[in-house]
Protein backbone atom coordinates (compact mmCIF):
# COMPACT_ATOMS: atom_id res chain seq x y z
CA UNK A 1 164.14 64.56 15.57
CA UNK A 2 165.44 64.56 19.15
CA UNK A 3 168.68 66.52 19.73
CA UNK A 4 171.26 63.95 20.87
CA UNK A 5 172.58 65.91 23.86
CA UNK A 6 169.09 66.21 25.39
CA UNK A 7 168.85 62.44 26.13
CA UNK A 8 165.11 61.84 25.88
CA UNK A 9 163.52 58.39 25.66
CA UNK A 10 163.91 56.72 22.26
CA UNK A 11 160.20 55.87 21.88
CA UNK A 12 159.03 59.42 22.56
CA UNK A 13 156.35 59.30 19.83
CA UNK A 14 154.81 55.99 20.93
CA UNK A 15 152.14 56.74 23.52
CA UNK A 16 151.38 53.04 24.04
CA UNK A 17 154.91 52.19 25.13
CA UNK A 18 155.73 55.33 27.12
CA UNK A 19 155.57 55.13 30.89
CA UNK A 20 152.77 57.29 32.34
CA UNK A 21 153.08 58.90 35.76
CA UNK A 22 151.62 61.96 37.51
CA UNK A 23 154.03 64.90 37.43
CA UNK A 24 153.33 65.44 41.16
CA UNK A 25 154.91 62.04 41.84
CA UNK A 26 158.26 63.55 40.88
CA UNK A 27 157.74 66.27 43.48
CA UNK A 28 157.26 63.65 46.21
CA UNK A 29 160.44 61.82 45.22
CA UNK A 30 162.41 65.05 44.91
CA UNK A 31 161.30 66.29 48.31
CA UNK A 32 162.58 63.14 50.01
CA UNK A 33 165.84 63.41 48.07
CA UNK A 34 166.27 67.06 49.08
CA UNK A 35 165.50 66.20 52.71
CA UNK A 36 168.02 63.34 52.70
CA UNK A 37 170.68 65.79 51.58
CA UNK A 38 169.78 68.69 53.91
CA UNK A 39 168.38 68.36 57.43
CA UNK A 40 166.94 71.89 57.24
CA UNK A 41 164.36 70.83 54.65
CA UNK A 42 160.90 70.69 56.24
CA UNK A 43 157.44 70.00 54.83
CA UNK A 44 154.09 71.64 55.56
CA UNK A 45 150.77 70.63 54.03
CA UNK A 46 147.19 71.88 54.07
CA UNK A 47 145.38 68.57 54.68
CA UNK A 48 146.27 67.10 51.27
CA UNK A 49 149.41 65.13 52.09
CA UNK A 50 148.53 62.06 50.04
CA UNK A 51 147.13 63.96 47.05
CA UNK A 52 150.14 66.26 46.73
CA UNK A 53 152.59 63.35 47.19
CA UNK A 54 154.11 64.82 50.35
CA UNK A 55 153.12 61.63 52.15
CA UNK A 56 156.47 59.88 51.58
CA UNK A 57 158.31 62.78 53.20
CA UNK A 58 155.90 62.86 56.15
CA UNK A 59 156.45 59.15 56.80
CA UNK A 60 160.23 59.34 56.45
CA UNK A 61 160.67 62.53 58.48
CA UNK A 62 157.64 62.90 60.79
CA UNK A 63 159.62 65.23 63.08
CA UNK A 64 160.17 67.59 60.14
CA UNK A 65 156.57 67.56 58.90
CA UNK A 66 153.73 69.87 59.99
CA UNK A 67 150.09 69.27 59.08
CA UNK A 68 148.62 72.77 59.02
CA UNK A 69 145.09 71.69 58.14
CA UNK A 70 142.70 73.57 55.87
CA UNK A 71 144.33 76.93 56.56
CA UNK A 72 146.30 77.98 53.50
CA UNK A 73 147.06 81.50 54.76
CA UNK A 74 148.67 80.01 57.85
CA UNK A 75 150.49 77.52 55.63
CA UNK A 76 152.37 80.37 53.94
CA UNK A 77 152.87 82.47 57.05
CA UNK A 78 154.23 79.62 59.19
CA UNK A 79 156.58 78.59 56.38
CA UNK A 80 157.89 82.14 56.14
CA UNK A 81 158.63 82.14 59.86
CA UNK A 82 160.42 78.81 59.65
CA UNK A 83 162.50 80.09 56.73
CA UNK A 84 163.45 83.11 58.82
CA UNK A 85 164.85 80.65 61.38
CA UNK A 86 167.04 78.86 58.84
CA UNK A 87 164.73 76.09 57.65
CA UNK A 88 163.91 75.35 53.99
CA UNK A 89 160.13 74.88 53.97
CA UNK A 90 158.22 73.14 51.19
CA UNK A 91 154.49 73.83 51.32
CA UNK A 92 151.94 71.85 49.31
CA UNK A 93 148.28 72.02 48.48
CA UNK A 94 146.10 72.18 45.39
CA UNK A 95 147.19 75.12 43.25
CA UNK A 96 143.64 76.50 43.46
CA UNK A 97 144.18 76.93 47.22
CA UNK A 98 147.92 77.63 47.33
CA UNK A 99 148.65 80.07 45.71
CA UNK A 100 144.95 80.64 44.99
CA UNK A 101 143.74 81.37 48.54
CA UNK A 102 146.96 82.57 50.15
CA UNK A 103 148.37 84.83 47.45
CA UNK A 104 148.66 87.85 49.76
CA UNK A 105 150.58 85.85 52.39
CA UNK A 106 152.90 84.47 49.71
CA UNK A 107 153.46 87.98 48.37
CA UNK A 108 154.00 89.75 51.69
CA UNK A 109 155.31 87.22 54.20
CA UNK A 110 157.40 85.15 51.77
CA UNK A 111 158.44 87.20 48.73
CA UNK A 112 158.60 90.68 50.27
CA UNK A 113 160.85 89.25 52.98
CA UNK A 114 162.82 87.17 50.45
CA UNK A 115 162.21 83.92 52.32
CA UNK A 116 163.39 80.66 50.81
CA UNK A 117 160.04 78.87 50.69
CA UNK A 118 159.07 76.45 47.92
CA UNK A 119 155.36 76.43 47.04
CA UNK A 120 154.20 73.24 45.32
CA UNK A 121 150.87 73.88 43.60
CA UNK A 122 149.38 70.52 42.69
CA UNK A 123 146.37 69.66 40.51
CA UNK A 124 146.92 72.61 38.16
CA UNK A 125 145.16 72.94 34.81
CA UNK A 126 141.90 71.56 33.40
CA UNK A 127 143.32 68.02 33.42
CA UNK A 128 142.23 67.80 37.06
CA UNK A 129 139.15 66.49 35.26
CA UNK A 130 135.95 65.62 37.18
CA UNK A 131 136.77 68.01 40.05
CA UNK A 132 135.51 70.81 37.83
CA UNK A 133 136.04 74.55 37.45
CA UNK A 134 136.35 75.39 41.15
CA UNK A 135 139.38 73.10 41.50
CA UNK A 136 141.04 73.72 38.13
CA UNK A 137 143.79 76.30 38.63
CA UNK A 138 144.28 77.95 35.25
CA UNK A 139 145.34 81.37 36.53
CA UNK A 140 148.15 80.44 38.91
CA UNK A 141 151.08 81.33 36.63
CA UNK A 142 149.50 84.71 36.03
CA UNK A 143 149.22 85.52 39.74
CA UNK A 144 152.66 84.20 40.73
CA UNK A 145 154.76 85.52 37.87
CA UNK A 146 154.41 89.25 38.69
CA UNK A 147 155.50 88.89 42.33
CA UNK A 148 159.02 90.24 42.87
CA UNK A 149 161.64 87.66 43.93
CA UNK A 150 159.49 84.71 42.79
CA UNK A 151 160.77 81.89 40.57
CA UNK A 152 158.11 79.99 38.58
CA UNK A 153 158.66 76.46 37.21
CA UNK A 154 156.29 74.15 35.30
CA UNK A 155 157.98 70.72 34.89
CA UNK A 156 157.11 68.66 31.82
CA UNK A 157 157.03 65.20 33.48
CA UNK A 158 157.76 63.31 36.70
CA UNK A 159 161.53 63.16 36.15
CA UNK A 160 161.73 66.90 35.58
CA UNK A 161 159.54 67.58 38.61
CA UNK A 162 161.95 65.61 40.80
CA UNK A 163 164.91 67.57 39.44
CA UNK A 164 163.10 70.89 39.84
CA UNK A 165 162.24 70.08 43.46
CA UNK A 166 165.82 69.18 44.36
CA UNK A 167 167.18 72.22 42.51
CA UNK A 168 164.67 74.54 44.24
CA UNK A 169 165.95 73.41 47.64
CA UNK A 170 169.37 74.75 46.71
CA UNK A 171 168.24 78.25 45.80
CA UNK A 172 167.97 81.12 48.26
CA UNK A 173 164.71 82.66 47.04
CA UNK A 174 160.98 81.82 46.82
CA UNK A 175 159.97 79.23 44.22
CA UNK A 176 156.63 78.15 42.79
CA UNK A 177 156.50 74.66 41.22
CA UNK A 178 153.39 73.93 39.17
CA UNK A 179 152.28 70.28 39.15
CA UNK A 180 149.62 68.38 37.20
CA UNK A 181 147.41 65.68 38.72
CA UNK A 182 146.80 63.28 35.84
CA UNK A 183 149.28 60.70 34.59
CA UNK A 184 151.28 62.08 31.66
CA UNK A 185 153.97 60.61 29.39
CA UNK A 186 157.41 60.32 30.97
CA UNK A 187 159.64 61.20 28.04
CA UNK A 188 162.69 62.64 29.80
CA UNK A 189 165.18 60.45 31.67
CA UNK A 190 167.22 60.80 34.86
CA UNK A 191 170.10 61.91 32.60
CA UNK A 192 168.15 64.57 30.68
CA UNK A 193 169.68 67.99 31.46
CA UNK A 194 167.77 70.29 33.80
CA UNK A 195 168.73 73.68 35.12
CA UNK A 196 166.43 76.31 36.59
CA UNK A 197 166.27 79.22 34.17
CA UNK A 198 167.48 77.21 31.16
CA UNK A 199 165.09 76.21 28.34
CA UNK A 200 165.93 73.25 26.11
CA UNK A 201 165.24 72.35 22.50
CA UNK A 202 163.58 68.94 22.71
CA UNK A 203 162.64 68.52 19.03
CA UNK A 204 164.26 69.75 15.83
CA UNK A 205 163.03 69.21 12.26
CA UNK A 206 164.67 66.52 10.17
CA UNK A 207 165.09 68.96 7.28
CA UNK A 208 165.99 72.40 8.65
CA UNK A 209 165.51 75.30 8.70
CA UNK A 210 162.34 75.19 10.83
CA UNK A 211 159.37 77.39 9.94
CA UNK A 212 157.92 77.73 13.45
CA UNK A 213 159.07 77.44 17.06
CA UNK A 214 156.67 75.88 19.54
CA UNK A 215 157.51 77.05 23.05
CA UNK A 216 155.75 74.86 25.60
CA UNK A 217 155.76 74.13 29.31
CA UNK A 218 154.37 71.58 31.73
CA UNK A 219 152.24 68.63 30.73
CA UNK A 220 151.70 69.89 27.16
CA UNK A 221 155.35 69.70 26.06
CA UNK A 222 154.77 66.14 24.89
CA UNK A 223 151.69 67.20 22.90
CA UNK A 224 153.87 69.85 21.24
CA UNK A 225 156.36 67.17 20.19
CA UNK A 226 153.58 64.99 18.77
CA UNK A 227 152.27 68.00 16.85
CA UNK A 228 155.73 68.71 15.45
CA UNK A 229 155.97 65.13 14.22
CA UNK A 230 152.56 65.42 12.51
CA UNK A 231 153.54 68.71 10.86
CA UNK A 232 156.74 67.22 9.53
CA UNK A 233 154.61 64.87 7.44
CA UNK A 234 153.31 68.00 5.70
CA UNK A 235 156.82 69.43 5.25
CA UNK A 236 156.33 72.02 7.99
CA UNK A 237 159.48 71.98 10.07
CA UNK A 238 158.97 72.80 13.74
CA UNK A 239 161.38 73.45 16.58
CA UNK A 240 160.02 72.57 20.07
CA UNK A 241 161.39 74.27 23.19
CA UNK A 242 160.71 72.99 26.71
CA UNK A 243 160.41 76.30 28.55
CA UNK A 244 160.02 74.83 32.04
CA UNK A 245 161.21 77.95 33.87
CA UNK A 246 158.71 80.71 33.22
CA UNK A 247 160.47 83.11 35.56
CA UNK A 248 163.30 83.88 35.17
CA UNK A 249 162.84 83.28 31.44
CA UNK A 250 165.72 81.93 29.37
CA UNK A 251 165.59 84.92 27.04
CA UNK A 252 168.61 83.86 25.01
CA UNK A 253 167.03 80.56 23.95
CA UNK A 254 163.60 82.13 23.34
CA UNK A 255 165.03 84.93 21.18
CA UNK A 256 167.22 82.49 19.24
CA UNK A 257 164.17 80.31 18.52
CA UNK A 258 162.21 83.30 17.25
CA UNK A 259 165.08 84.53 15.09
CA UNK A 260 165.69 81.07 13.67
CA UNK A 261 162.07 80.50 12.64
CA UNK A 262 160.32 83.84 12.30
CA UNK A 263 157.14 82.61 14.02
CA UNK A 264 156.21 81.30 17.48
CA UNK A 265 153.39 79.26 18.97
CA UNK A 266 153.19 79.03 22.78
CA UNK A 267 151.52 76.03 24.43
CA UNK A 268 150.41 75.80 28.07
CA UNK A 269 147.62 74.33 30.19
CA UNK A 270 146.70 77.76 31.55
CA UNK A 271 144.83 80.88 30.58
CA UNK A 272 146.57 82.45 27.59
CA UNK A 273 146.31 85.83 29.33
CA UNK A 274 149.10 86.33 31.85
CA UNK A 275 150.65 82.90 31.47
CA UNK A 276 153.83 81.52 29.95
CA UNK A 277 152.84 82.70 26.48
CA UNK A 278 152.40 86.24 27.75
CA UNK A 279 155.88 86.08 29.27
CA UNK A 280 157.34 84.93 25.94
CA UNK A 281 155.46 87.72 24.13
CA UNK A 282 156.91 90.29 26.53
CA UNK A 283 160.44 89.11 25.76
CA UNK A 284 159.93 89.11 22.00
CA UNK A 285 158.03 92.41 21.91
CA UNK A 286 161.11 94.26 23.10
CA UNK A 287 163.78 92.17 21.36
CA UNK A 288 162.54 90.41 18.21
CA UNK A 289 158.81 90.66 17.39
CA UNK A 290 157.41 87.82 15.27
CA UNK A 291 153.91 86.51 14.49
CA UNK A 292 152.59 84.51 17.44
CA UNK A 293 149.73 82.18 18.27
CA UNK A 294 148.74 81.17 21.81
CA UNK A 295 147.48 77.68 22.68
CA UNK A 296 145.84 77.48 26.09
CA UNK A 297 142.58 78.27 27.85
CA UNK A 298 140.82 81.08 26.02
CA UNK A 299 139.24 83.35 28.65
CA UNK A 300 136.81 80.88 30.21
CA UNK A 301 136.48 78.66 33.26
CA UNK A 302 137.06 74.94 33.30
CA UNK A 303 134.41 72.26 33.63
CA UNK A 304 134.00 68.66 34.73
CA UNK A 305 135.04 65.88 32.38
CA UNK A 306 137.71 63.33 31.62
CA UNK A 307 141.19 64.93 31.45
CA UNK A 308 141.95 63.97 27.84
CA UNK A 309 138.49 65.10 26.71
CA UNK A 310 138.90 68.46 28.42
CA UNK A 311 142.29 69.09 26.83
CA UNK A 312 140.70 68.52 23.43
CA UNK A 313 137.59 70.58 24.17
CA UNK A 314 139.64 73.50 25.45
CA UNK A 315 141.85 73.51 22.36
CA UNK A 316 145.05 72.11 23.84
CA UNK A 317 145.22 68.76 22.06
CA UNK A 318 147.65 67.83 19.30
CA UNK A 319 145.25 68.83 16.54
CA UNK A 320 144.79 72.30 18.04
CA UNK A 321 148.55 72.82 18.22
CA UNK A 322 148.88 71.72 14.59
CA UNK A 323 146.16 74.20 13.58
CA UNK A 324 147.88 77.03 15.50
CA UNK A 325 151.16 76.33 13.72
CA UNK A 326 149.45 76.45 10.33
CA UNK A 327 147.79 79.76 11.22
CA UNK A 328 151.05 81.38 12.24
CA UNK A 329 152.80 80.10 9.09
CA UNK A 330 150.19 81.94 7.02
CA UNK A 331 151.00 85.17 8.88
CA UNK A 332 154.75 85.07 8.24
């Protein structure tokens, strides 16, 4: 059951009728919106303007756009310098290259100096598909989350990506926004609440109390909702939390979900080590330990294939989430 105040689409469980759009498309729309509102917003790209959806901004504001080329270290360093001069730089590339190749520049030139730079890492996760392991960023949350001063966001769909992009332009600190390549269900609406640092319950069982809380982020939030609906058929009540902001974590909502259910399953398109699930485990380990299961990539590299097939093969499909919930119920 969808909580009324969350304002999701009414046909959230019907994959055939749901609109499907790449999450990165929301970044492109949000960047133009942020630039319309603030003339200090600038865009820099590492030769992937069309792929990262920065193209609309470049066409609308060519005087505020810089094509850095295939030089990701320079991408971060130049953005830091522009931020020092009062600009609000957005930098975009594939997540495997930014933050993958320029991590040290992001750490030292941006975060150490507390520069307001927004890093948009596109094509994250195994759902990049045929591009294969070298282009599938499944460690990016783990390398960005520990950096001091960094905010980390993984939007669940195109609408949320647009909101996250606009909201990031209004902060005064570094931000990493993680974006998927493939089209995914658009199940939020322009009116769905969004606030950086605030997690939301997007599914509650018809017959409470719930037995398990699924805490998910990014493109797999919708899979978590589908899994909750399947489990309800077996009288296993599940609460689903959209934990889009991985840092700073909404500890109050996470702890309340754990206390209210007594068991947690985390779901992310990322390595289970060091990712969103690890962040949740850190919170609960010191506040309210409960049995946990972690759905994500299990200590291996990606591979080429169709996006939907890879999600299933790597244990991130609906059936895998259902199985993880059943395992954690047995451990309560």
